[in-house]
């Protein structure tokens, strides 16, 4: 197994790690309620996925 000969400096380590970036999640519109939802997942507003109702809505429009 390869082992580094020298310790990598803090600036080199941080500059290398600066390339690890996250991207925003891609959302699509629900055909049932027109709300935003993640692709290939049930809608959090109405609980529909591919025309079927799978679960109760996790979030309501008028939360108290």
C-alpha atoms as a PDB file:
ATOM      1  CA  UNK A   1       0.000   0.000   0.000  1.00  0.00           C
ATOM      2  CA  UNK A   2       1.345   3.439  -0.912  1.00  0.00           C
ATOM      3  CA  UNK A   3       2.130   5.758   1.981  1.00  0.00           C
ATOM      4  CA  UNK A   4       2.978   9.460   1.609  1.00  0.00           C
ATOM      5  CA  UNK A   5       6.613  10.334   2.327  1.00  0.00           C
ATOM      6  CA  UNK A   6       5.829  13.768   3.774  1.00  0.00           C
ATOM      7  CA  UNK A   7       3.013  15.405   5.690  1.00  0.00           C
ATOM      8  CA  UNK A   8       0.706  17.433   3.465  1.00  0.00           C
ATOM      9  CA  UNK A   9       0.470  21.055   4.573  1.00  0.00           C
ATOM     10  CA  UNK A  10      -2.773  22.539   5.826  1.00  0.00           C
ATOM     11  CA  UNK A  11      -3.076  24.905   2.845  1.00  0.00           C
ATOM     12  CA  UNK A  12      -2.561  22.080   0.336  1.00  0.00           C
ATOM     13  CA  UNK A  13      -5.106  19.930   2.143  1.00  0.00           C
ATOM     14  CA  UNK A  14      -7.683  22.711   2.249  1.00  0.00           C
ATOM     15  CA  UNK A  15      -7.130  23.719  -1.370  1.00  0.00           C
ATOM     16  CA  UNK A  16      -7.652  20.110  -2.424  1.00  0.00           C
ATOM     17  CA  UNK A  17     -10.834  19.822  -0.347  1.00  0.00           C
ATOM     18  CA  UNK A  18     -12.187  23.075  -1.774  1.00  0.00           C
ATOM     19  CA  UNK A  19     -13.100  21.207  -4.966  1.00  0.00           C
ATOM     20  CA  UNK A  20     -15.649  19.041  -3.116  1.00  0.00           C
ATOM     21  CA  UNK A  21     -18.834  21.004  -3.646  1.00  0.00           C
ATOM     22  CA  UNK A  22     -22.467  20.083  -3.314  1.00  0.00           C
ATOM     23  CA  UNK A  23     -25.128  20.716  -5.919  1.00  0.00           C
ATOM     24  CA  UNK A  24     -28.707  21.732  -5.330  1.00  0.00           C
ATOM     25  CA  UNK A  25     -31.304  18.972  -5.489  1.00  0.00           C
ATOM     26  CA  UNK A  26     -33.268  18.906  -8.732  1.00  0.00           C
ATOM     27  CA  UNK A  27     -36.986  19.368  -8.160  1.00  0.00           C
ATOM     28  CA  UNK A  28     -39.875  18.846 -10.521  1.00  0.00           C
ATOM     29  CA  UNK A  29     -43.530  19.800 -10.309  1.00  0.00           C
ATOM     30  CA  UNK A  30     -46.135  17.352  -9.058  1.00  0.00           C
ATOM     31  CA  UNK A  31     -48.715  16.639 -11.768  1.00  0.00           C
ATOM     32  CA  UNK A  32     -51.390  16.192  -9.094  1.00  0.00           C
ATOM     33  CA  UNK A  33     -51.033  19.363  -6.995  1.00  0.00           C
ATOM     34  CA  UNK A  34     -48.412  21.333  -9.000  1.00  0.00           C
ATOM     35  CA  UNK A  35     -46.156  21.603  -5.931  1.00  0.00           C
ATOM     36  CA  UNK A  36     -42.367  21.084  -5.958  1.00  0.00           C
ATOM     37  CA  UNK A  37     -41.131  17.547  -5.313  1.00  0.00           C
ATOM     38  CA  UNK A  38     -37.985  15.481  -5.714  1.00  0.00           C
ATOM     39  CA  UNK A  39     -37.755  13.272  -8.782  1.00  0.00           C
ATOM     40  CA  UNK A  40     -38.641   9.584  -8.276  1.00  0.00           C
ATOM     41  CA  UNK A  41     -40.179  10.299  -4.854  1.00  0.00           C
ATOM     42  CA  UNK A  42     -43.669  10.818  -3.469  1.00  0.00           C
ATOM     43  CA  UNK A  43     -44.879  14.419  -3.298  1.00  0.00           C
ATOM     44  CA  UNK A  44     -44.485  15.821   0.243  1.00  0.00           C
ATOM     45  CA  UNK A  45     -47.578  18.014  -0.216  1.00  0.00           C
ATOM     46  CA  UNK A  46     -50.184  15.534  -1.449  1.00  0.00           C
ATOM     47  CA  UNK A  47     -48.446  12.121  -1.096  1.00  0.00           C
ATOM     48  CA  UNK A  48     -48.974  11.106  -4.738  1.00  0.00           C
ATOM     49  CA  UNK A  49     -46.454   9.254  -6.896  1.00  0.00           C
ATOM     50  CA  UNK A  50     -47.139   8.261 -10.513  1.00  0.00           C
ATOM     51  CA  UNK A  51     -50.872   8.810 -10.112  1.00  0.00           C
ATOM     52  CA  UNK A  52     -51.219   6.767  -6.921  1.00  0.00           C
ATOM     53  CA  UNK A  53     -51.717   7.946  -3.364  1.00  0.00           C
ATOM     54  CA  UNK A  54     -49.030   6.389  -1.152  1.00  0.00           C
ATOM     55  CA  UNK A  55     -49.017   8.239   2.157  1.00  0.00           C
ATOM     56  CA  UNK A  56     -50.510  11.074   4.069  1.00  0.00           C
ATOM     57  CA  UNK A  57     -48.950  14.417   3.317  1.00  0.00           C
ATOM     58  CA  UNK A  58     -45.980  15.156   5.562  1.00  0.00           C
ATOM     59  CA  UNK A  59     -46.458  18.898   5.233  1.00  0.00           C
ATOM     60  CA  UNK A  60     -49.705  20.846   5.077  1.00  0.00           C
ATOM     61  CA  UNK A  61     -50.354  24.178   3.389  1.00  0.00           C
ATOM     62  CA  UNK A  62     -51.767  25.822   6.527  1.00  0.00           C
ATOM     63  CA  UNK A  63     -49.531  24.559   9.307  1.00  0.00           C
ATOM     64  CA  UNK A  64     -50.385  25.958  12.718  1.00  0.00           C
END
